[in-house]
Amino acid sequence: MNRGFLLLEVLLAIFLAGILWMSLSTAYIRVGENWQNSSARFDIRQQQRVVMEEIIRKIRQAKPGTIRFLEGPDARGVYTRLEMNLNYEPERAIAFYQRGENILKGVKNPGRERFTGMSIALNAGKIVFKPADGRIIVKIQEEISSLESEVFVREGAD
């Protein structure tokens, strides 16, 4: 009896090992892609939370009666720009608005006619503001998900 391997047996072993290797490498690549996508979504969501906290903090610090909604409203009553003066700096106006995919915070110093904007979020989604009975609904919309928060406005605010 012959104790060696036949060529057919060797080829079959190589073929099965190749299928196993391809399956494992495909699974490894998919897990890596899913991890990267999840990480990117988490980063965007975290960026949205930071922006939302900044906007809410500034709305709470707004001088009563100085909150102005601009660039809208659309059919749903939402605006895309919010301007206000702050309690501790009443002569200085700030604004939150969208330019392309970026959310900007603009500042208008005393004696200036225009806002100087700086990006506070890159590719974070679309920001909208909606006034509603003594409160402001702030929403950052993205393709996959959206983040929404409600801020109560002090007496005398618009």
Protein backbone atom coordinates (compact mmCIF):
# COMPACT_ATOMS: atom_id res chain seq x y z
CA MET A 1 0.00 0.00 0.00
CA ASN A 2 1.21 3.51 -0.88
CA ARG A 3 1.74 5.76 2.18
CA GLY A 4 2.16 9.13 0.34
CA PHE A 5 -0.46 11.74 -0.53
CA LEU A 6 -2.08 11.85 -3.90
CA LEU A 7 -1.96 15.09 -5.86
CA LEU A 8 -5.72 15.28 -5.61
CA GLU A 9 -5.61 15.12 -1.82
CA VAL A 10 -3.01 17.92 -1.64
CA LEU A 11 -5.04 20.13 -4.00
CA LEU A 12 -8.19 19.49 -2.00
CA ALA A 13 -6.40 20.41 1.25
CA ILE A 14 -5.04 23.63 -0.32
CA PHE A 15 -8.50 24.49 -1.69
CA LEU A 16 -10.19 23.99 1.70
CA ALA A 17 -7.47 25.98 3.48
CA GLY A 18 -7.93 28.79 0.93
CA ILE A 19 -11.70 28.90 1.52
CA LEU A 20 -11.12 29.01 5.28
CA TRP A 21 -8.52 31.77 4.91
CA MET A 22 -10.81 33.84 2.64
CA SER A 23 -13.72 33.48 5.06
CA LEU A 24 -11.64 34.58 8.03
CA SER A 25 -10.06 37.51 6.19
CA THR A 26 -13.46 38.68 4.91
CA ALA A 27 -14.89 38.52 8.44
CA TYR A 28 -11.86 40.43 9.77
CA ILE A 29 -12.25 43.15 7.12
CA ARG A 30 -16.01 43.49 7.77
CA VAL A 31 -15.48 43.80 11.52
CA GLY A 32 -12.86 46.50 10.89
CA GLU A 33 -15.19 48.41 8.55
CA ASN A 34 -18.06 48.21 11.04
CA TRP A 35 -15.79 49.44 13.81
CA GLN A 36 -14.64 52.41 11.69
CA ASN A 37 -18.23 53.30 10.73
CA SER A 38 -19.40 53.07 14.33
CA SER A 39 -16.46 55.14 15.49
CA ALA A 40 -17.16 57.82 12.86
CA ARG A 41 -20.86 57.94 13.81
CA PHE A 42 -19.90 58.19 17.48
CA ASP A 43 -17.49 61.05 16.73
CA ILE A 44 -20.16 62.95 14.79
CA ARG A 45 -22.70 62.36 17.54
CA GLN A 46 -20.24 63.55 20.18
CA GLN A 47 -19.52 66.66 18.11
CA GLN A 48 -23.26 67.30 17.83
CA ARG A 49 -23.63 67.02 21.62
CA VAL A 50 -20.84 69.53 22.21
CA VAL A 51 -22.38 71.98 19.72
CA MET A 52 -25.83 71.49 21.22
CA GLU A 53 -24.49 72.19 24.74
CA GLU A 54 -22.77 75.36 23.50
CA ILE A 55 -25.94 76.64 21.81
CA ILE A 56 -28.13 75.83 24.82
CA ARG A 57 -25.68 77.51 27.20
CA LYS A 58 -25.67 80.68 25.08
CA ILE A 59 -29.47 80.73 24.79
CA ARG A 60 -29.73 80.51 28.59
CA GLN A 61 -27.25 83.39 28.88
CA ALA A 62 -29.14 85.52 26.36
CA LYS A 63 -30.41 88.91 27.42
CA PRO A 64 -34.23 88.76 27.53
CA GLY A 65 -35.85 90.13 24.40
CA THR A 66 -32.73 89.86 22.21
CA ILE A 67 -33.18 86.42 20.64
CA ARG A 68 -33.87 86.77 16.91
CA PHE A 69 -34.71 84.03 14.43
CA LEU A 70 -33.51 84.59 10.86
CA GLU A 71 -33.33 82.76 7.53
CA GLY A 72 -36.73 81.11 7.60
CA PRO A 73 -39.28 80.04 8.54
CA ASP A 74 -40.01 77.17 6.23
CA ALA A 75 -43.34 75.29 6.06
CA ARG A 76 -42.65 73.64 9.43
CA GLY A 77 -41.85 76.95 11.15
CA VAL A 78 -38.14 76.31 11.53
CA TYR A 79 -35.32 78.81 11.12
CA THR A 80 -31.70 78.20 10.19
CA ARG A 81 -30.12 81.15 12.00
CA LEU A 82 -30.35 82.32 15.60
CA GLU A 83 -28.94 85.63 16.84
CA MET A 84 -28.86 87.01 20.38
CA ASN A 85 -27.15 89.35 22.80
CA LEU A 86 -25.73 87.91 26.00
CA ASN A 87 -26.50 89.12 29.52
CA TYR A 88 -22.87 89.63 30.47
CA GLU A 89 -21.97 91.31 27.13
CA PRO A 90 -25.11 93.14 25.95
CA GLU A 91 -23.26 95.13 23.29
CA ARG A 92 -21.88 92.00 21.64
CA ALA A 93 -24.14 89.82 19.45
CA ILE A 94 -23.60 86.17 18.65
CA ALA A 95 -25.22 83.95 16.06
CA PHE A 96 -25.42 80.26 15.24
CA TYR A 97 -25.97 79.27 11.62
CA GLN A 98 -25.11 76.83 8.85
CA ARG A 99 -22.66 77.22 5.99
CA GLY A 100 -22.53 74.15 3.79
CA GLU A 101 -22.09 71.14 6.06
CA ASN A 102 -20.49 73.19 8.83
CA ILE A 103 -22.13 74.80 11.84
CA LEU A 104 -20.74 78.22 12.66
CA LYS A 105 -20.78 80.56 15.62
CA GLY A 106 -20.62 84.19 14.59
CA VAL A 107 -19.66 87.11 16.78
CA LYS A 108 -20.41 90.76 16.09
CA ASN A 109 -18.39 93.10 18.27
CA PRO A 110 -19.50 96.65 19.13
CA GLY A 111 -19.08 99.06 16.22
CA ARG A 112 -19.03 96.27 13.63
CA GLU A 113 -21.76 95.66 11.08
CA ARG A 114 -20.95 92.07 10.22
CA PHE A 115 -20.56 88.82 12.09
CA THR A 116 -17.21 87.08 12.12
CA GLY A 117 -17.91 83.36 11.95
CA MET A 118 -15.86 80.44 13.16
CA SER A 119 -16.67 76.82 12.58
CA ILE A 120 -17.68 74.91 15.68
CA ALA A 121 -18.66 71.67 13.91
CA LEU A 122 -17.52 70.14 10.64
CA ASN A 123 -19.90 67.84 8.75
CA ALA A 124 -22.18 67.63 11.79
CA GLY A 125 -25.46 67.87 9.91
CA LYS A 126 -28.07 70.58 9.45
CA ILE A 127 -29.04 72.85 12.32
CA VAL A 128 -32.54 74.27 12.73
CA PHE A 129 -34.27 76.38 15.39
CA LYS A 130 -37.98 76.44 16.12
CA PRO A 131 -39.66 78.86 18.54
CA ALA A 132 -42.51 77.27 20.49
CA ASP A 133 -44.43 78.86 23.40
CA GLY A 134 -41.65 80.27 25.56
CA ARG A 135 -39.09 77.75 24.47
CA ILE A 136 -36.74 77.11 21.59
CA ILE A 137 -36.32 73.70 19.98
CA VAL A 138 -32.81 73.20 18.66
CA LYS A 139 -32.28 70.30 16.29
CA ILE A 140 -29.20 69.00 14.51
CA GLN A 141 -30.28 66.67 11.72
CA GLU A 142 -28.07 64.13 10.06
CA GLU A 143 -28.77 61.47 7.44
CA ILE A 144 -28.77 58.63 9.94
CA SER A 145 -30.00 60.31 13.11
CA SER A 146 -30.80 63.64 14.68
CA LEU A 147 -30.23 65.29 18.01
CA GLU A 148 -32.93 67.53 19.47
CA SER A 149 -33.12 69.62 22.60
CA GLU A 150 -35.57 72.09 24.09
CA VAL A 151 -34.55 75.28 25.90
CA PHE A 152 -36.94 77.39 27.94
CA VAL A 153 -36.50 81.12 27.34
CA ARG A 154 -36.70 83.64 30.15
CA GLU A 155 -39.50 86.22 30.32
CA GLY A 156 -39.22 89.03 27.83
CA ALA A 157 -37.41 86.98 25.19
CA ASP A 158 -38.78 86.76 21.66
